[in-house]
N, C-alpha and C. Protein backbone atom coordinates (compact mmCIF):
# COMPACT_ATOMS: atom_id res chain seq x y z
N UNK A 1 0.57 -1.53 -0.14
CA UNK A 1 -0.13 -0.04 0.19
C UNK A 1 1.02 1.23 0.30
N UNK A 2 0.56 2.26 -0.87
CA UNK A 2 1.22 3.34 -1.13
C UNK A 2 1.35 4.49 -0.23
N UNK A 3 1.43 5.19 0.26
CA UNK A 3 0.55 6.54 0.77
C UNK A 3 1.20 7.72 0.11
N UNK A 4 0.24 8.07 0.15
CA UNK A 4 0.56 9.52 -0.77
C UNK A 4 0.78 10.67 0.11
N UNK A 5 1.64 11.65 -0.48
CA UNK A 5 2.19 12.24 0.27
C UNK A 5 1.48 13.70 -0.17
N UNK A 6 0.65 14.58 0.84
CA UNK A 6 0.20 15.51 0.85
C UNK A 6 1.14 16.33 1.23
N UNK A 7 1.06 17.74 0.16
CA UNK A 7 2.11 19.05 0.82
C UNK A 7 1.01 19.74 1.47
N UNK A 8 1.21 20.42 2.36
CA UNK A 8 0.73 21.24 3.40
C UNK A 8 1.14 22.75 3.21
N UNK A 9 0.63 23.64 3.21
CA UNK A 9 1.45 24.75 3.10
C UNK A 9 1.15 25.90 4.32
N UNK A 10 2.01 25.68 5.66
CA UNK A 10 1.61 27.06 6.31
C UNK A 10 1.87 28.11 6.17
N UNK A 11 1.01 28.80 6.38
CA UNK A 11 1.43 30.72 6.29
C UNK A 11 0.50 31.37 7.13
N UNK A 12 1.06 31.70 8.15
CA UNK A 12 -0.18 32.76 9.06
C UNK A 12 -0.77 34.13 8.23
N UNK A 13 -2.16 33.57 8.23
CA UNK A 13 -2.71 35.38 7.84
C UNK A 13 -2.72 34.48 6.24
N UNK A 14 -2.28 33.43 5.47
CA UNK A 14 -2.47 33.38 4.26
C UNK A 14 -1.57 33.95 3.50
N UNK A 15 -1.22 35.09 3.57
CA UNK A 15 -0.02 35.71 2.83
C UNK A 15 0.86 36.83 3.90
N UNK A 16 0.87 36.03 4.54
CA UNK A 16 2.35 36.35 5.65
C UNK A 16 1.55 37.86 6.23
N UNK A 17 0.44 38.41 6.20
CA UNK A 17 0.06 39.72 7.39
C UNK A 17 0.56 39.50 8.47
N UNK A 18 0.19 38.33 8.97
CA UNK A 18 0.78 38.08 10.40
C UNK A 18 2.14 38.32 11.26
N UNK A 19 2.85 37.98 10.09
CA UNK A 19 4.36 38.39 10.29
C UNK A 19 5.00 39.71 10.04
N UNK A 20 3.86 40.60 9.05
CA UNK A 20 3.95 41.83 8.97
C UNK A 20 3.65 42.53 10.01
N UNK A 21 2.70 42.35 10.78
CA UNK A 21 1.99 43.02 11.92
C UNK A 21 2.55 42.93 13.10
N UNK A 22 3.76 41.79 12.83
CA UNK A 22 4.61 41.48 14.57
C UNK A 22 5.12 42.83 15.05
N UNK A 23 5.77 43.34 14.25
CA UNK A 23 6.21 44.56 15.01
C UNK A 23 5.06 45.85 15.69
N UNK A 24 3.86 45.90 15.03
CA UNK A 24 3.00 46.44 15.54
C UNK A 24 2.44 45.82 17.08
N UNK A 25 2.26 44.76 16.77
CA UNK A 25 1.84 43.84 17.91
C UNK A 25 3.02 44.12 19.42
N UNK A 26 4.24 43.88 19.00
CA UNK A 26 5.42 44.21 20.19
C UNK A 26 4.89 45.39 20.65
N UNK A 27 5.10 46.56 19.77
CA UNK A 27 5.46 48.24 20.55
C UNK A 27 4.30 48.38 20.99
N UNK A 28 3.17 47.53 20.50
CA UNK A 28 1.82 47.99 21.46
C UNK A 28 1.88 47.55 22.82
N UNK A 29 2.26 46.51 22.83
CA UNK A 29 2.01 45.61 23.99
C UNK A 29 3.86 46.39 24.79
N UNK A 30 4.69 46.76 24.48
CA UNK A 30 5.72 47.58 24.91
C UNK A 30 5.19 48.84 25.59
N UNK A 31 4.18 49.49 24.65
CA UNK A 31 3.60 51.21 25.05
C UNK A 31 2.51 50.70 26.08
N UNK A 32 2.04 49.43 26.16
CA UNK A 32 0.91 49.23 26.81
C UNK A 32 1.76 48.89 28.33
N UNK A 33 2.91 48.10 28.36
CA UNK A 33 3.72 48.30 29.72
C UNK A 33 3.86 49.17 30.39
N UNK A 34 4.80 50.32 29.35
CA UNK A 34 4.81 51.37 29.56
C UNK A 34 3.93 52.27 30.64
N UNK A 35 2.96 52.54 29.45
CA UNK A 35 1.59 53.43 30.34
C UNK A 35 1.43 52.61 31.53
N UNK A 36 1.38 51.49 31.87
CA UNK A 36 0.83 50.82 33.50
C UNK A 36 2.07 50.94 34.46
N UNK A 37 3.12 51.31 33.84
CA UNK A 37 4.12 51.54 34.63
C UNK A 37 4.06 52.93 35.00
N UNK A 38 3.92 53.88 34.01
CA UNK A 38 3.21 55.39 34.46
C UNK A 38 2.32 55.59 35.61
N UNK A 39 1.37 55.00 35.24
CA UNK A 39 -0.03 54.61 36.08
C UNK A 39 0.53 54.54 37.61
N UNK A 40 1.56 53.44 37.73
CA UNK A 40 1.62 53.01 38.81
C UNK A 40 2.98 53.93 39.57
N UNK A 41 3.87 54.30 38.97
CA UNK A 41 4.74 55.66 39.40
C UNK A 41 3.41 56.81 39.69
N UNK A 42 2.01 57.21 39.21
CA UNK A 42 1.61 58.08 39.55
C UNK A 42 0.66 58.09 40.55
N UNK A 43 0.29 56.90 40.65
CA UNK A 43 -0.61 56.13 42.22
C UNK A 43 0.82 56.18 43.25
N UNK A 44 1.89 55.57 43.28
CA UNK A 44 2.59 55.60 43.77
C UNK A 44 2.93 57.39 44.60
N UNK A 45 3.45 57.96 43.76
CA UNK A 45 3.47 59.65 43.99
C UNK A 45 2.21 60.31 44.77
N UNK A 46 0.77 59.88 44.39
CA UNK A 46 -0.36 60.56 45.07
C UNK A 46 -0.31 59.97 46.57
N UNK A 47 -0.02 58.51 46.76
CA UNK A 47 -0.08 57.88 47.98
C UNK A 47 0.95 59.19 48.70
N UNK A 48 2.14 59.00 47.88
CA UNK A 48 3.07 59.48 48.98
C UNK A 48 2.71 61.33 49.37
N UNK A 49 2.27 61.78 48.24
CA UNK A 49 1.30 63.24 48.35
C UNK A 49 0.38 63.53 49.58
N UNK A 50 -0.13 62.38 49.64
CA UNK A 50 -1.21 62.02 50.98
C UNK A 50 -0.68 62.17 52.24
N UNK A 51 0.47 61.37 52.27
CA UNK A 51 0.74 60.93 53.34
C UNK A 51 1.78 62.18 53.72
N UNK A 52 2.34 62.84 52.89
CA UNK A 52 3.28 64.23 53.01
C UNK A 52 2.28 65.10 53.80
N UNK A 53 0.92 65.02 53.27
CA UNK A 53 -0.10 66.27 53.74
C UNK A 53 -0.63 66.13 55.11
N UNK A 54 -0.90 64.53 55.02
CA UNK A 54 -0.97 63.87 56.69
C UNK A 54 -0.66 64.30 57.33
N UNK A 55 1.21 64.17 57.19
CA UNK A 55 2.34 64.58 58.31
C UNK A 55 2.64 65.85 58.55
N UNK A 56 2.11 66.78 57.61
CA UNK A 56 2.70 68.37 57.83
C UNK A 56 1.04 68.44 58.36
N UNK A 57 -0.10 68.02 58.16
CA UNK A 57 -0.87 68.38 59.10
C UNK A 57 -0.70 68.37 60.61
N UNK A 58 -0.37 67.17 60.76
CA UNK A 58 -0.04 66.28 62.51
C UNK A 58 1.27 67.15 62.99
N UNK A 59 1.99 67.34 62.40
CA UNK A 59 3.33 68.08 63.11
C UNK A 59 3.49 69.70 62.82
N UNK A 60 2.12 70.67 62.28
CA UNK A 60 2.38 71.57 62.08
C UNK A 60 2.66 72.16 63.17
N UNK A 61 2.09 72.43 64.63
CA UNK A 61 2.20 73.13 65.74
C UNK A 61 3.81 72.82 66.04
N UNK A 62 4.15 71.14 66.14
CA UNK A 62 5.81 71.42 66.52
C UNK A 62 6.90 72.23 64.98
N UNK A 63 6.27 71.83 64.14
CA UNK A 63 7.16 72.59 63.02
C UNK A 63 7.14 74.10 63.40
N UNK A 64 6.22 74.95 63.44
CA UNK A 64 6.39 76.25 63.51
C UNK A 64 6.83 76.42 65.40
N UNK A 65 6.79 75.94 66.08
CA UNK A 65 7.42 76.03 67.40
C UNK A 65 8.81 76.26 67.33
N UNK A 66 9.41 75.49 66.05
CA UNK A 66 11.02 74.93 65.95
C UNK A 66 10.97 75.87 64.80
N UNK A 67 10.65 76.98 64.31
CA UNK A 67 10.80 77.81 63.43
C UNK A 67 11.36 77.53 62.26
N UNK A 68 10.62 76.49 61.87
CA UNK A 68 10.80 75.27 60.41
C UNK A 68 9.35 75.69 59.48
N UNK A 69 10.08 76.20 58.17
CA UNK A 69 8.92 76.78 57.54
C UNK A 69 8.53 75.05 56.18
N UNK A 70 7.41 75.20 55.84
CA UNK A 70 7.13 74.42 54.85
C UNK A 70 6.95 75.09 53.53
N UNK A 71 7.74 75.16 53.12
CA UNK A 71 8.10 75.88 51.72
C UNK A 71 8.18 74.90 50.95
N UNK A 72 9.69 73.81 51.16
CA UNK A 72 9.78 73.10 50.32
C UNK A 72 8.54 72.15 50.20
N UNK A 73 8.11 71.25 50.95
CA UNK A 73 6.96 70.44 51.44
C UNK A 73 5.67 71.34 50.63
N UNK A 74 5.58 72.33 50.49
CA UNK A 74 4.10 73.11 49.83
C UNK A 74 4.69 73.08 48.07
N UNK A 75 6.03 73.49 47.54
CA UNK A 75 6.10 72.97 46.20
C UNK A 75 6.39 71.81 46.09
N UNK A 76 6.60 70.97 46.56
CA UNK A 76 6.45 69.34 46.27
C UNK A 76 5.05 68.94 46.31
N UNK A 77 3.77 69.42 47.22
CA UNK A 77 2.65 68.71 47.21
C UNK A 77 2.10 70.06 45.83
N UNK A 78 2.26 70.95 45.75
CA UNK A 78 1.70 71.49 44.65
C UNK A 78 2.16 71.07 43.30
N UNK A 79 3.02 70.64 42.89
CA UNK A 79 3.46 69.70 41.71
C UNK A 79 3.10 68.28 42.22
N UNK A 80 3.27 67.64 42.74
CA UNK A 80 2.65 65.97 43.14
C UNK A 80 1.07 66.02 42.66
N UNK A 81 0.41 66.78 43.39
CA UNK A 81 -0.98 66.45 43.31
C UNK A 81 -1.67 66.74 41.34
N UNK A 82 -1.32 67.83 41.22
CA UNK A 82 -1.73 68.21 39.72
C UNK A 82 -1.13 66.99 39.10
N UNK A 83 0.09 66.48 38.95
CA UNK A 83 0.95 65.53 38.01
C UNK A 83 0.44 64.01 37.93
N UNK A 84 0.25 63.86 39.44
CA UNK A 84 -0.10 62.00 39.69
C UNK A 84 -2.09 62.04 39.44
N UNK A 85 -2.74 63.29 40.00
CA UNK A 85 -4.18 62.88 39.20
C UNK A 85 -4.40 63.42 38.06
N UNK A 86 -3.73 64.25 37.33
CA UNK A 86 -3.98 64.15 35.99
C UNK A 86 -3.78 62.61 35.02
N UNK A 87 -2.57 62.48 35.54
CA UNK A 87 -2.04 61.32 34.59
C UNK A 87 -2.87 60.09 34.73
N UNK A 88 -3.40 59.57 36.34
CA UNK A 88 -4.23 58.92 36.40
C UNK A 88 -5.84 58.73 35.98
N UNK A 89 -6.60 60.19 35.91
CA UNK A 89 -7.55 60.83 34.91
C UNK A 89 -7.03 60.03 33.69
N UNK A 90 -6.15 60.27 33.19
CA UNK A 90 -5.66 60.63 31.63
C UNK A 90 -5.63 58.55 31.59
N UNK A 91 -5.13 57.79 32.41
CA UNK A 91 -5.14 56.18 32.29
C UNK A 91 -6.48 55.77 32.40
N UNK A 92 -7.23 56.24 33.41
CA UNK A 92 -8.43 55.60 33.34
C UNK A 92 -9.21 55.89 32.05
N UNK A 93 -9.36 57.04 31.67
CA UNK A 93 -9.92 57.30 30.16
C UNK A 93 -9.51 56.79 29.34
N UNK A 94 -8.31 56.28 28.97
CA UNK A 94 -7.66 55.68 28.09
C UNK A 94 -8.00 54.02 28.08
N UNK A 95 -8.13 53.31 29.47
CA UNK A 95 -8.53 52.33 29.83
C UNK A 95 -10.30 52.18 29.13
N UNK A 96 -10.90 53.08 29.88
CA UNK A 96 -12.18 52.38 29.52
C UNK A 96 -12.61 52.76 27.91
N UNK A 97 -11.58 53.81 27.36
CA UNK A 97 -11.49 53.84 25.98
C UNK A 97 -11.25 52.58 25.21
N UNK A 98 -10.06 51.87 25.32
CA UNK A 98 -10.11 50.95 25.09
C UNK A 98 -10.42 49.50 25.34
N UNK A 99 -11.47 49.49 26.51
CA UNK A 99 -12.49 48.34 26.76
C UNK A 99 -13.74 49.00 25.96
N UNK A 100 -14.34 49.50 25.84
CA UNK A 100 -15.26 50.37 25.23
C UNK A 100 -15.17 50.48 23.51
N UNK A 101 -14.34 50.58 23.01
CA UNK A 101 -13.90 51.18 21.65
C UNK A 101 -14.62 52.66 21.62
N UNK A 102 -15.32 53.59 21.84
CA UNK A 102 -15.31 54.77 22.15
C UNK A 102 -14.61 55.56 22.36
N UNK A 103 -14.75 56.98 21.68
CA UNK A 103 -13.57 57.72 22.49
C UNK A 103 -14.75 58.67 23.79
N UNK A 104 -13.61 58.80 24.58
CA UNK A 104 -14.24 59.12 25.92
C UNK A 104 -13.55 60.72 26.35
N UNK A 105 -14.58 61.46 26.20
CA UNK A 105 -13.91 63.16 26.63
C UNK A 105 -14.26 63.30 28.10
N UNK A 106 -13.65 64.71 28.47
CA UNK A 106 -14.14 65.33 29.79
C UNK A 106 -14.49 66.68 29.34
N UNK A 107 -16.00 66.68 30.13
CA UNK A 107 -16.34 68.20 29.50
C UNK A 107 -17.59 68.47 28.55
């Protein structure tokens, strides 16, 4: 009994389209991890800013008695809150837009 040999052609997407899109997929996955890392850093910055605010509020009398000023801390908080909250809002809107497929706008 003779076995017939069948030739089978394996091709991704039929025309190599999968191979052409591979760099785009890799780039998008890398951007996803980068944006997620920035969101995590923004969340940590927000937690640190809240902690610094609570600490400054609790020891305000002691710092006043010691003659220390809070200018450096106020500058840090004035930068930390807008940076962290604005990026977190951007990330949340981007995530909602990605899962719903619709453009999300504010205002």
